[in-house]
Amino acid sequence: MRRLALIPLLAFVFACNDSQPMAPDDLAPQLSVAGAPVQTASGSGNFQGRFVNPAVFPGRILGRTFAFAAKKWADGSVTGQWTRHLHCGPFEQSGCGGKSHGVVTCMTVIGNTAYLGGYATSGRFSEPPNNEVGWFVVDNGEGANDPPDIMSLQWVEFEPGFAQSYCDTQQPEPGFREISGGDITVDG
């Protein structure tokens, strides 16, 4: 039997700014299990990009700070957590920015890419039943000559079943960004 003892999230995780990426090890659940996970994915960092709805916030460059850690076990179960902070500058008061936290419930690893899904437990888009999320990450290596790692935007506010479907089918693709100030690791 697995016993889950979640590490309390430290206040700094939600107080991170663009120059201080969150640490995925602080988000990872600690498990007392025999054996090691068969697949893992973790990462933290920042990326910038235009808001997905330019009609609402035309031409604004936004930043995102993120961290996640997930483990897939031999029995197929997945454990993990994620957190995200959308930085919108002066628009944060208008509903653009926000912090979210949640759990990872599924993961599919294909080569250096991990497709992850779960649900939000706090922050924006955390109201059930439409609180499921999905995203993907790409580990492009650790060398100085390797391209930057990649994280997609996160699909948010979906009905029950969306996360598992996203992990199973790896679709749809929500768009992606190169990360900065961090690292993504995919093993499996």
N, C-alpha and C. Protein backbone atom coordinates (compact mmCIF):
# COMPACT_ATOMS: atom_id res chain seq x y z
N MET A 1 0.85 -1.18 0.00
CA MET A 1 0.00 0.00 0.00
C MET A 1 0.89 1.24 0.00
N ARG A 2 0.57 2.20 -0.83
CA ARG A 2 1.31 3.44 -0.89
C ARG A 2 0.74 4.42 0.11
N ARG A 3 1.63 5.11 0.78
CA ARG A 3 1.20 6.16 1.70
C ARG A 3 1.71 7.47 1.15
N LEU A 4 0.83 8.41 1.04
CA LEU A 4 1.16 9.70 0.45
C LEU A 4 1.30 10.73 1.56
N ALA A 5 2.43 11.35 1.64
CA ALA A 5 2.66 12.42 2.61
C ALA A 5 3.10 13.64 1.83
N LEU A 6 2.18 14.51 1.51
CA LEU A 6 2.49 15.68 0.70
C LEU A 6 3.35 16.66 1.47
N ILE A 7 4.31 17.20 0.78
CA ILE A 7 5.13 18.25 1.35
C ILE A 7 4.31 19.53 1.33
N PRO A 8 4.22 20.23 2.45
CA PRO A 8 3.51 21.50 2.41
C PRO A 8 4.21 22.45 1.44
N LEU A 9 3.45 23.13 0.64
CA LEU A 9 4.04 24.08 -0.30
C LEU A 9 4.57 25.28 0.46
N LEU A 10 5.76 25.63 0.14
CA LEU A 10 6.37 26.79 0.78
C LEU A 10 5.82 28.06 0.18
N ALA A 11 5.78 29.09 0.98
CA ALA A 11 5.21 30.36 0.52
C ALA A 11 5.97 30.91 -0.68
N PHE A 12 7.26 30.61 -0.77
CA PHE A 12 8.02 31.19 -1.88
C PHE A 12 7.57 30.66 -3.23
N VAL A 13 6.96 29.49 -3.28
CA VAL A 13 6.51 28.95 -4.56
C VAL A 13 5.54 29.89 -5.22
N PHE A 14 4.64 30.48 -4.43
CA PHE A 14 3.65 31.37 -5.01
C PHE A 14 4.12 32.82 -5.03
N ALA A 15 5.26 33.09 -4.45
CA ALA A 15 5.78 34.46 -4.45
C ALA A 15 6.90 34.61 -5.46
N CYS A 16 7.09 33.61 -6.31
CA CYS A 16 8.18 33.65 -7.27
C CYS A 16 7.97 34.78 -8.26
N ASN A 17 9.08 35.32 -8.72
CA ASN A 17 9.00 36.27 -9.82
C ASN A 17 9.72 35.67 -11.00
N ASP A 18 9.79 36.40 -12.11
CA ASP A 18 10.37 35.86 -13.33
C ASP A 18 11.84 35.48 -13.17
N SER A 19 12.55 36.06 -12.23
CA SER A 19 13.96 35.75 -12.08
C SER A 19 14.20 34.62 -11.09
N GLN A 20 13.17 34.14 -10.42
CA GLN A 20 13.29 33.08 -9.42
C GLN A 20 12.36 31.94 -9.78
N PRO A 21 12.79 30.97 -10.63
CA PRO A 21 11.89 29.87 -10.96
C PRO A 21 11.61 29.01 -9.74
N MET A 22 10.43 28.39 -9.75
CA MET A 22 10.04 27.51 -8.67
C MET A 22 10.81 26.21 -8.76
N ALA A 23 11.01 25.55 -7.67
CA ALA A 23 11.76 24.30 -7.63
C ALA A 23 10.81 23.12 -7.66
N PRO A 24 10.91 22.23 -8.67
CA PRO A 24 9.99 21.10 -8.75
C PRO A 24 10.13 20.15 -7.58
N ASP A 25 11.32 20.03 -6.97
CA ASP A 25 11.48 19.12 -5.85
C ASP A 25 10.62 19.54 -4.67
N ASP A 26 10.31 20.82 -4.55
CA ASP A 26 9.45 21.28 -3.47
C ASP A 26 7.99 20.91 -3.70
N LEU A 27 7.65 20.53 -4.92
CA LEU A 27 6.27 20.17 -5.25
C LEU A 27 6.04 18.67 -5.26
N ALA A 28 7.11 17.88 -5.35
CA ALA A 28 6.97 16.44 -5.54
C ALA A 28 6.44 15.76 -4.29
N PRO A 29 5.39 14.95 -4.43
CA PRO A 29 4.92 14.18 -3.28
C PRO A 29 6.00 13.19 -2.86
N GLN A 30 6.11 12.96 -1.59
CA GLN A 30 7.05 11.97 -1.06
C GLN A 30 6.27 10.68 -0.83
N LEU A 31 6.73 9.60 -1.44
CA LEU A 31 6.01 8.35 -1.36
C LEU A 31 6.86 7.29 -0.68
N SER A 32 6.22 6.46 0.12
CA SER A 32 6.87 5.30 0.71
C SER A 32 6.41 4.09 -0.08
N VAL A 33 7.20 3.72 -1.10
CA VAL A 33 6.83 2.58 -1.94
C VAL A 33 8.07 1.74 -2.20
N ALA A 34 7.83 0.47 -2.46
CA ALA A 34 8.92 -0.39 -2.87
C ALA A 34 9.16 -0.16 -4.35
N GLY A 35 10.40 0.06 -4.71
CA GLY A 35 10.72 0.25 -6.12
C GLY A 35 10.72 1.71 -6.52
N ALA A 36 11.27 1.92 -7.69
CA ALA A 36 11.39 3.27 -8.23
C ALA A 36 10.31 3.49 -9.27
N PRO A 37 9.99 4.76 -9.56
CA PRO A 37 9.03 5.03 -10.63
C PRO A 37 9.60 4.57 -11.97
N VAL A 38 8.71 4.22 -12.90
CA VAL A 38 9.16 3.78 -14.21
C VAL A 38 9.34 4.96 -15.17
N GLN A 39 8.68 6.07 -14.91
CA GLN A 39 8.83 7.28 -15.70
C GLN A 39 8.73 8.49 -14.78
N THR A 40 9.48 9.54 -15.11
CA THR A 40 9.39 10.78 -14.34
C THR A 40 9.46 11.96 -15.28
N ALA A 41 8.87 13.04 -14.85
CA ALA A 41 8.98 14.32 -15.55
C ALA A 41 8.91 15.41 -14.49
N SER A 42 9.81 16.37 -14.60
CA SER A 42 9.79 17.48 -13.66
C SER A 42 10.42 18.70 -14.32
N GLY A 43 10.14 19.85 -13.76
CA GLY A 43 10.74 21.05 -14.31
C GLY A 43 10.24 22.28 -13.63
N SER A 44 10.95 23.35 -13.90
CA SER A 44 10.53 24.67 -13.42
C SER A 44 11.18 25.69 -14.33
N GLY A 45 10.62 26.87 -14.34
CA GLY A 45 11.19 27.93 -15.17
C GLY A 45 10.18 29.01 -15.48
N ASN A 46 10.48 29.73 -16.54
CA ASN A 46 9.66 30.85 -16.99
C ASN A 46 9.54 30.79 -18.50
N PHE A 47 8.49 31.36 -19.01
CA PHE A 47 8.43 31.63 -20.44
C PHE A 47 7.53 32.82 -20.68
N GLN A 48 7.68 33.43 -21.84
CA GLN A 48 6.91 34.60 -22.19
C GLN A 48 6.16 34.34 -23.48
N GLY A 49 5.05 35.01 -23.64
CA GLY A 49 4.28 34.87 -24.86
C GLY A 49 3.08 35.79 -24.86
N ARG A 50 2.51 35.97 -26.01
CA ARG A 50 1.33 36.82 -26.12
C ARG A 50 0.12 36.10 -25.55
N PHE A 51 -0.79 36.87 -24.99
CA PHE A 51 -2.01 36.30 -24.43
C PHE A 51 -2.76 35.57 -25.52
N VAL A 52 -3.37 34.44 -25.19
CA VAL A 52 -4.04 33.62 -26.21
C VAL A 52 -5.28 34.29 -26.78
N ASN A 53 -5.78 35.33 -26.14
CA ASN A 53 -6.94 36.05 -26.67
C ASN A 53 -6.56 37.51 -26.89
N PRO A 54 -5.93 37.82 -28.03
CA PRO A 54 -5.46 39.19 -28.26
C PRO A 54 -6.59 40.21 -28.32
N ALA A 55 -7.83 39.77 -28.54
CA ALA A 55 -8.94 40.72 -28.55
C ALA A 55 -9.18 41.29 -27.16
N VAL A 56 -8.85 40.51 -26.12
CA VAL A 56 -9.04 40.95 -24.75
C VAL A 56 -7.87 41.79 -24.27
N PHE A 57 -6.64 41.32 -24.54
CA PHE A 57 -5.43 42.02 -24.12
C PHE A 57 -4.51 42.18 -25.32
N PRO A 58 -4.83 43.10 -26.24
CA PRO A 58 -4.08 43.21 -27.49
C PRO A 58 -2.61 43.56 -27.26
N GLY A 59 -1.73 42.77 -27.91
CA GLY A 59 -0.32 43.08 -27.94
C GLY A 59 0.43 42.98 -26.64
N ARG A 60 -0.16 42.44 -25.59
CA ARG A 60 0.51 42.37 -24.30
C ARG A 60 1.39 41.14 -24.23
N ILE A 61 2.61 41.32 -23.78
CA ILE A 61 3.51 40.20 -23.53
C ILE A 61 3.31 39.76 -22.09
N LEU A 62 3.09 38.49 -21.90
CA LEU A 62 2.84 37.95 -20.57
C LEU A 62 3.92 36.97 -20.20
N GLY A 63 4.16 36.83 -18.92
CA GLY A 63 5.11 35.84 -18.44
C GLY A 63 4.41 34.78 -17.63
N ARG A 64 4.98 33.60 -17.62
CA ARG A 64 4.47 32.52 -16.80
C ARG A 64 5.64 31.90 -16.05
N THR A 65 5.42 31.67 -14.77
CA THR A 65 6.38 30.95 -13.93
C THR A 65 5.70 29.64 -13.59
N PHE A 66 6.43 28.53 -13.70
CA PHE A 66 5.80 27.23 -13.49
C PHE A 66 6.75 26.27 -12.78
N ALA A 67 6.18 25.25 -12.19
CA ALA A 67 6.93 24.12 -11.64
C ALA A 67 6.00 22.91 -11.64
N PHE A 68 6.57 21.73 -11.87
CA PHE A 68 5.78 20.51 -11.81
C PHE A 68 6.71 19.34 -11.52
N ALA A 69 6.17 18.29 -10.99
CA ALA A 69 6.90 17.04 -10.75
C ALA A 69 5.88 15.91 -10.81
N ALA A 70 6.19 14.88 -11.62
CA ALA A 70 5.27 13.75 -11.77
C ALA A 70 6.06 12.46 -11.86
N LYS A 71 5.47 11.39 -11.31
CA LYS A 71 6.06 10.06 -11.34
C LYS A 71 5.00 9.06 -11.77
N LYS A 72 5.38 8.17 -12.68
CA LYS A 72 4.50 7.08 -13.09
C LYS A 72 5.09 5.79 -12.53
N TRP A 73 4.25 5.01 -11.85
CA TRP A 73 4.68 3.81 -11.17
C TRP A 73 4.39 2.57 -12.02
N ALA A 74 4.98 1.46 -11.65
CA ALA A 74 4.84 0.21 -12.41
C ALA A 74 3.39 -0.22 -12.59
N ASP A 75 2.53 0.10 -11.63
CA ASP A 75 1.11 -0.27 -11.75
C ASP A 75 0.30 0.68 -12.63
N GLY A 76 0.98 1.70 -13.21
CA GLY A 76 0.30 2.66 -14.08
C GLY A 76 -0.20 3.90 -13.39
N SER A 77 -0.20 3.91 -12.06
CA SER A 77 -0.67 5.09 -11.34
C SER A 77 0.35 6.23 -11.47
N VAL A 78 -0.14 7.45 -11.38
CA VAL A 78 0.68 8.65 -11.51
C VAL A 78 0.45 9.54 -10.31
N THR A 79 1.53 10.06 -9.75
CA THR A 79 1.45 11.01 -8.65
C THR A 79 2.24 12.24 -9.02
N GLY A 80 1.83 13.37 -8.51
CA GLY A 80 2.59 14.59 -8.75
C GLY A 80 1.77 15.83 -8.47
N GLN A 81 2.43 16.96 -8.63
CA GLN A 81 1.82 18.27 -8.41
C GLN A 81 2.34 19.26 -9.45
N TRP A 82 1.62 20.34 -9.60
CA TRP A 82 2.05 21.43 -10.48
C TRP A 82 1.60 22.76 -9.89
N THR A 83 2.27 23.81 -10.29
CA THR A 83 1.87 25.17 -9.93
C THR A 83 2.22 26.10 -11.08
N ARG A 84 1.45 27.15 -11.22
CA ARG A 84 1.63 28.08 -12.33
C ARG A 84 1.24 29.48 -11.85
N HIS A 85 2.01 30.48 -12.30
CA HIS A 85 1.68 31.87 -12.01
C HIS A 85 1.76 32.64 -13.32
N LEU A 86 0.65 33.22 -13.71
CA LEU A 86 0.58 34.04 -14.92
C LEU A 86 0.80 35.48 -14.51
N HIS A 87 1.81 36.11 -15.10
CA HIS A 87 2.14 37.51 -14.80
C HIS A 87 1.62 38.38 -15.94
N CYS A 88 0.74 39.30 -15.61
CA CYS A 88 0.15 40.15 -16.65
C CYS A 88 0.46 41.63 -16.42
N GLY A 89 1.32 41.92 -15.49
CA GLY A 89 1.63 43.32 -15.24
C GLY A 89 0.42 44.07 -14.74
N PRO A 90 0.13 45.22 -15.33
CA PRO A 90 -0.97 46.04 -14.82
C PRO A 90 -2.35 45.42 -15.00
N PHE A 91 -2.45 44.34 -15.78
CA PHE A 91 -3.76 43.73 -16.02
C PHE A 91 -4.13 42.68 -14.98
N GLU A 92 -3.25 42.38 -14.01
CA GLU A 92 -3.56 41.34 -13.04
C GLU A 92 -4.83 41.65 -12.27
N GLN A 93 -5.13 42.91 -12.06
CA GLN A 93 -6.36 43.26 -11.34
C GLN A 93 -7.61 43.01 -12.17
N SER A 94 -7.47 42.86 -13.48
CA SER A 94 -8.64 42.69 -14.34
C SER A 94 -8.94 41.22 -14.63
N GLY A 95 -8.32 40.31 -13.89
CA GLY A 95 -8.62 38.91 -14.09
C GLY A 95 -7.66 38.19 -15.02
N CYS A 96 -6.65 38.87 -15.51
CA CYS A 96 -5.71 38.23 -16.43
C CYS A 96 -4.71 37.37 -15.68
N GLY A 97 -4.10 37.86 -14.63
CA GLY A 97 -3.07 37.12 -13.91
C GLY A 97 -3.66 36.13 -12.94
N GLY A 98 -2.80 35.41 -12.30
CA GLY A 98 -3.29 34.51 -11.28
C GLY A 98 -2.38 33.34 -11.04
N LYS A 99 -2.55 32.75 -9.87
CA LYS A 99 -1.78 31.59 -9.45
C LYS A 99 -2.71 30.40 -9.39
N SER A 100 -2.19 29.25 -9.75
CA SER A 100 -2.95 28.01 -9.67
C SER A 100 -2.05 26.90 -9.18
N HIS A 101 -2.65 25.93 -8.52
CA HIS A 101 -1.94 24.76 -8.05
C HIS A 101 -2.84 23.56 -8.27
N GLY A 102 -2.23 22.41 -8.51
CA GLY A 102 -3.04 21.21 -8.69
C GLY A 102 -2.23 19.94 -8.59
N VAL A 103 -2.88 18.84 -8.90
CA VAL A 103 -2.24 17.53 -8.87
C VAL A 103 -2.15 16.97 -10.28
N VAL A 104 -1.16 16.12 -10.48
CA VAL A 104 -0.99 15.40 -11.74
C VAL A 104 -1.59 14.02 -11.55
N THR A 105 -2.46 13.63 -12.47
CA THR A 105 -3.14 12.33 -12.36
C THR A 105 -2.81 11.38 -13.50
N CYS A 106 -2.18 11.89 -14.58
CA CYS A 106 -1.82 11.02 -15.69
C CYS A 106 -0.60 11.58 -16.40
N MET A 107 0.15 10.68 -17.07
CA MET A 107 1.33 11.09 -17.80
C MET A 107 1.64 10.05 -18.86
N THR A 108 1.96 10.51 -20.05
CA THR A 108 2.43 9.65 -21.12
C THR A 108 3.77 10.20 -21.59
N VAL A 109 4.80 9.36 -21.57
CA VAL A 109 6.13 9.76 -22.02
C VAL A 109 6.41 9.11 -23.36
N ILE A 110 6.76 9.93 -24.35
CA ILE A 110 7.15 9.46 -25.67
C ILE A 110 8.49 10.12 -25.98
N GLY A 111 9.56 9.34 -25.90
CA GLY A 111 10.90 9.89 -26.13
C GLY A 111 11.24 10.93 -25.08
N ASN A 112 11.52 12.14 -25.53
CA ASN A 112 11.88 13.23 -24.62
C ASN A 112 10.70 14.15 -24.31
N THR A 113 9.49 13.70 -24.64
CA THR A 113 8.28 14.50 -24.44
C THR A 113 7.36 13.82 -23.43
N ALA A 114 6.82 14.61 -22.51
CA ALA A 114 5.83 14.09 -21.55
C ALA A 114 4.54 14.87 -21.71
N TYR A 115 3.43 14.15 -21.80
CA TYR A 115 2.09 14.72 -21.83
C TYR A 115 1.51 14.50 -20.44
N LEU A 116 1.09 15.58 -19.79
CA LEU A 116 0.63 15.51 -18.41
C LEU A 116 -0.79 16.04 -18.30
N GLY A 117 -1.53 15.48 -17.35
CA GLY A 117 -2.88 15.94 -17.08
C GLY A 117 -3.19 15.82 -15.61
N GLY A 118 -4.19 16.55 -15.19
CA GLY A 118 -4.60 16.52 -13.80
C GLY A 118 -5.73 17.48 -13.57
N TYR A 119 -5.75 18.07 -12.39
CA TYR A 119 -6.79 19.04 -12.10
C TYR A 119 -6.27 20.09 -11.14
N ALA A 120 -6.90 21.26 -11.19
CA ALA A 120 -6.54 22.37 -10.31
C ALA A 120 -7.22 22.19 -8.97
N THR A 121 -6.47 22.43 -7.90
CA THR A 121 -7.02 22.33 -6.55
C THR A 121 -7.17 23.69 -5.89
N SER A 122 -6.46 24.69 -6.40
CA SER A 122 -6.60 26.05 -5.87
C SER A 122 -6.24 27.05 -6.95
N GLY A 123 -6.71 28.27 -6.76
CA GLY A 123 -6.41 29.33 -7.72
C GLY A 123 -7.41 29.35 -8.86
N ARG A 124 -6.98 29.98 -9.94
CA ARG A 124 -7.85 30.13 -11.10
C ARG A 124 -8.23 28.77 -11.67
N PHE A 125 -9.45 28.67 -12.14
CA PHE A 125 -9.98 27.48 -12.82
C PHE A 125 -9.98 26.24 -11.92
N SER A 126 -10.17 26.41 -10.61
CA SER A 126 -10.14 25.26 -9.70
C SER A 126 -11.52 24.81 -9.24
N GLU A 127 -12.57 25.38 -9.77
CA GLU A 127 -13.92 25.00 -9.35
C GLU A 127 -14.39 23.75 -10.08
N PRO A 128 -14.64 22.64 -9.36
CA PRO A 128 -15.18 21.45 -10.02
C PRO A 128 -16.57 21.75 -10.56
N PRO A 129 -17.06 21.07 -11.55
CA PRO A 129 -16.42 19.93 -12.18
C PRO A 129 -15.47 20.32 -13.31
N ASN A 130 -15.42 21.57 -13.71
CA ASN A 130 -14.59 21.97 -14.86
C ASN A 130 -13.24 22.51 -14.41
N ASN A 131 -12.43 21.63 -13.80
CA ASN A 131 -11.14 22.06 -13.30
C ASN A 131 -9.99 21.18 -13.80
N GLU A 132 -10.21 20.41 -14.87
CA GLU A 132 -9.15 19.55 -15.39
C GLU A 132 -8.23 20.31 -16.35
N VAL A 133 -6.97 19.88 -16.39
CA VAL A 133 -5.94 20.55 -17.18
C VAL A 133 -5.12 19.53 -17.95
N GLY A 134 -4.39 20.00 -18.97
CA GLY A 134 -3.46 19.16 -19.72
C GLY A 134 -2.40 20.04 -20.37
N TRP A 135 -1.18 19.51 -20.47
CA TRP A 135 -0.08 20.23 -21.11
C TRP A 135 1.02 19.25 -21.46
N PHE A 136 2.00 19.72 -22.27
CA PHE A 136 3.13 18.85 -22.57
C PHE A 136 4.43 19.61 -22.37
N VAL A 137 5.51 18.85 -22.18
CA VAL A 137 6.85 19.41 -22.01
C VAL A 137 7.82 18.61 -22.86
N VAL A 138 8.92 19.27 -23.28
CA VAL A 138 9.96 18.61 -24.07
C VAL A 138 11.31 18.89 -23.43
N ASP A 139 12.04 17.82 -23.12
CA ASP A 139 13.38 17.90 -22.55
C ASP A 139 14.37 17.82 -23.71
N ASN A 140 15.00 18.94 -24.02
CA ASN A 140 15.94 19.00 -25.14
C ASN A 140 17.39 18.83 -24.73
N GLY A 141 17.65 18.32 -23.53
CA GLY A 141 19.00 18.04 -23.10
C GLY A 141 19.56 19.10 -22.18
N GLU A 142 20.77 18.84 -21.71
CA GLU A 142 21.39 19.70 -20.71
C GLU A 142 22.60 20.47 -21.24
N GLY A 143 23.08 20.14 -22.41
CA GLY A 143 24.32 20.74 -22.92
C GLY A 143 24.18 22.19 -23.35
N ALA A 144 25.30 22.87 -23.36
CA ALA A 144 25.31 24.29 -23.76
C ALA A 144 24.86 24.47 -25.21
N ASN A 145 25.06 23.46 -26.04
CA ASN A 145 24.68 23.56 -27.45
C ASN A 145 23.29 22.99 -27.74
N ASP A 146 22.63 22.47 -26.70
CA ASP A 146 21.28 21.93 -26.89
C ASP A 146 20.26 23.07 -26.97
N PRO A 147 19.18 22.89 -27.74
CA PRO A 147 18.14 23.92 -27.78
C PRO A 147 17.42 24.02 -26.45
N PRO A 148 16.73 25.14 -26.20
CA PRO A 148 15.99 25.30 -24.94
C PRO A 148 14.89 24.24 -24.80
N ASP A 149 14.61 23.87 -23.55
CA ASP A 149 13.47 22.99 -23.28
C ASP A 149 12.19 23.73 -23.62
N ILE A 150 11.11 22.99 -23.77
CA ILE A 150 9.82 23.55 -24.21
C ILE A 150 8.72 23.15 -23.24
N MET A 151 7.80 24.07 -23.01
CA MET A 151 6.57 23.78 -22.27
C MET A 151 5.41 24.37 -23.04
N SER A 152 4.33 23.62 -23.11
CA SER A 152 3.15 24.14 -23.79
C SER A 152 2.35 25.04 -22.86
N LEU A 153 1.45 25.78 -23.44
CA LEU A 153 0.44 26.43 -22.64
C LEU A 153 -0.41 25.33 -22.03
N GLN A 154 -1.13 25.64 -21.00
CA GLN A 154 -1.92 24.63 -20.29
C GLN A 154 -3.39 24.76 -20.70
N TRP A 155 -3.98 23.65 -21.15
CA TRP A 155 -5.42 23.62 -21.34
C TRP A 155 -6.05 23.65 -19.96
N VAL A 156 -6.99 24.53 -19.73
CA VAL A 156 -7.59 24.68 -18.40
C VAL A 156 -9.11 24.69 -18.50
N GLU A 157 -9.73 24.43 -17.37
CA GLU A 157 -11.18 24.55 -17.20
C GLU A 157 -11.97 23.56 -18.07
N PHE A 158 -11.53 22.29 -18.02
CA PHE A 158 -12.22 21.25 -18.77
C PHE A 158 -12.93 20.29 -17.84
N GLU A 159 -13.90 19.58 -18.40
CA GLU A 159 -14.78 18.67 -17.66
C GLU A 159 -14.04 17.39 -17.27
N PRO A 160 -14.61 16.62 -16.32
CA PRO A 160 -14.00 15.36 -15.90
C PRO A 160 -13.76 14.44 -17.10
N GLY A 161 -12.59 13.83 -17.10
CA GLY A 161 -12.20 12.94 -18.18
C GLY A 161 -11.25 13.57 -19.18
N PHE A 162 -11.19 14.91 -19.21
CA PHE A 162 -10.33 15.59 -20.18
C PHE A 162 -8.85 15.24 -19.97
N ALA A 163 -8.37 15.29 -18.72
CA ALA A 163 -6.96 15.06 -18.44
C ALA A 163 -6.51 13.69 -18.94
N GLN A 164 -7.25 12.64 -18.60
CA GLN A 164 -6.86 11.30 -19.03
C GLN A 164 -6.92 11.19 -20.55
N SER A 165 -7.92 11.77 -21.17
CA SER A 165 -8.03 11.75 -22.62
C SER A 165 -6.83 12.45 -23.26
N TYR A 166 -6.42 13.58 -22.69
CA TYR A 166 -5.26 14.31 -23.21
C TYR A 166 -4.00 13.45 -23.10
N CYS A 167 -3.79 12.79 -21.96
CA CYS A 167 -2.61 11.93 -21.80
C CYS A 167 -2.66 10.75 -22.77
N ASP A 168 -3.85 10.20 -22.99
CA ASP A 168 -3.99 9.02 -23.85
C ASP A 168 -3.80 9.35 -25.33
N THR A 169 -4.27 10.52 -25.76
CA THR A 169 -4.27 10.84 -27.19
C THR A 169 -3.25 11.90 -27.59
N GLN A 170 -2.70 12.63 -26.62
CA GLN A 170 -1.75 13.70 -26.85
C GLN A 170 -2.32 14.77 -27.78
N GLN A 171 -3.63 15.02 -27.69
CA GLN A 171 -4.26 16.04 -28.52
C GLN A 171 -5.30 16.76 -27.73
N PRO A 172 -5.64 17.94 -27.97
CA PRO A 172 -5.04 18.82 -28.97
C PRO A 172 -3.78 19.48 -28.42
N GLU A 173 -3.01 20.10 -29.29
CA GLU A 173 -1.79 20.79 -28.89
C GLU A 173 -2.12 22.26 -28.62
N PRO A 174 -1.87 22.74 -27.40
CA PRO A 174 -2.27 24.11 -27.04
C PRO A 174 -1.26 25.19 -27.41
N GLY A 175 -0.23 24.90 -28.17
CA GLY A 175 0.81 25.88 -28.45
C GLY A 175 1.91 25.76 -27.41
N PHE A 176 3.12 26.17 -27.75
CA PHE A 176 4.22 25.97 -26.82
C PHE A 176 5.21 27.13 -26.86
N ARG A 177 6.08 27.17 -25.84
CA ARG A 177 7.08 28.22 -25.71
C ARG A 177 8.40 27.61 -25.24
N GLU A 178 9.51 28.22 -25.65
CA GLU A 178 10.81 27.87 -25.09
C GLU A 178 10.88 28.44 -23.68
N ILE A 179 11.42 27.66 -22.75
CA ILE A 179 11.53 28.16 -21.39
C ILE A 179 12.86 28.87 -21.18
N SER A 180 12.90 29.71 -20.16
CA SER A 180 14.14 30.36 -19.76
C SER A 180 14.23 30.28 -18.25
N GLY A 181 15.42 30.42 -17.73
CA GLY A 181 15.59 30.42 -16.27
C GLY A 181 15.15 29.16 -15.60
N GLY A 182 15.30 28.02 -16.25
CA GLY A 182 14.88 26.77 -15.63
C GLY A 182 15.30 25.57 -16.43
N ASP A 183 14.69 24.42 -16.16
CA ASP A 183 15.06 23.17 -16.81
C ASP A 183 13.88 22.21 -16.74
N ILE A 184 13.77 21.37 -17.75
CA ILE A 184 12.78 20.30 -17.76
C ILE A 184 13.53 18.98 -17.94
N THR A 185 13.12 17.97 -17.17
CA THR A 185 13.74 16.65 -17.27
C THR A 185 12.63 15.62 -17.47
N VAL A 186 12.79 14.79 -18.51
CA VAL A 186 11.86 13.71 -18.80
C VAL A 186 12.68 12.42 -18.86
N ASP A 187 12.33 11.44 -18.03
CA ASP A 187 13.00 10.15 -18.02
C ASP A 187 11.96 9.06 -18.17
N GLY A 188 12.22 8.14 -19.06
CA GLY A 188 11.28 7.05 -19.15
C GLY A 188 11.37 6.35 -20.44
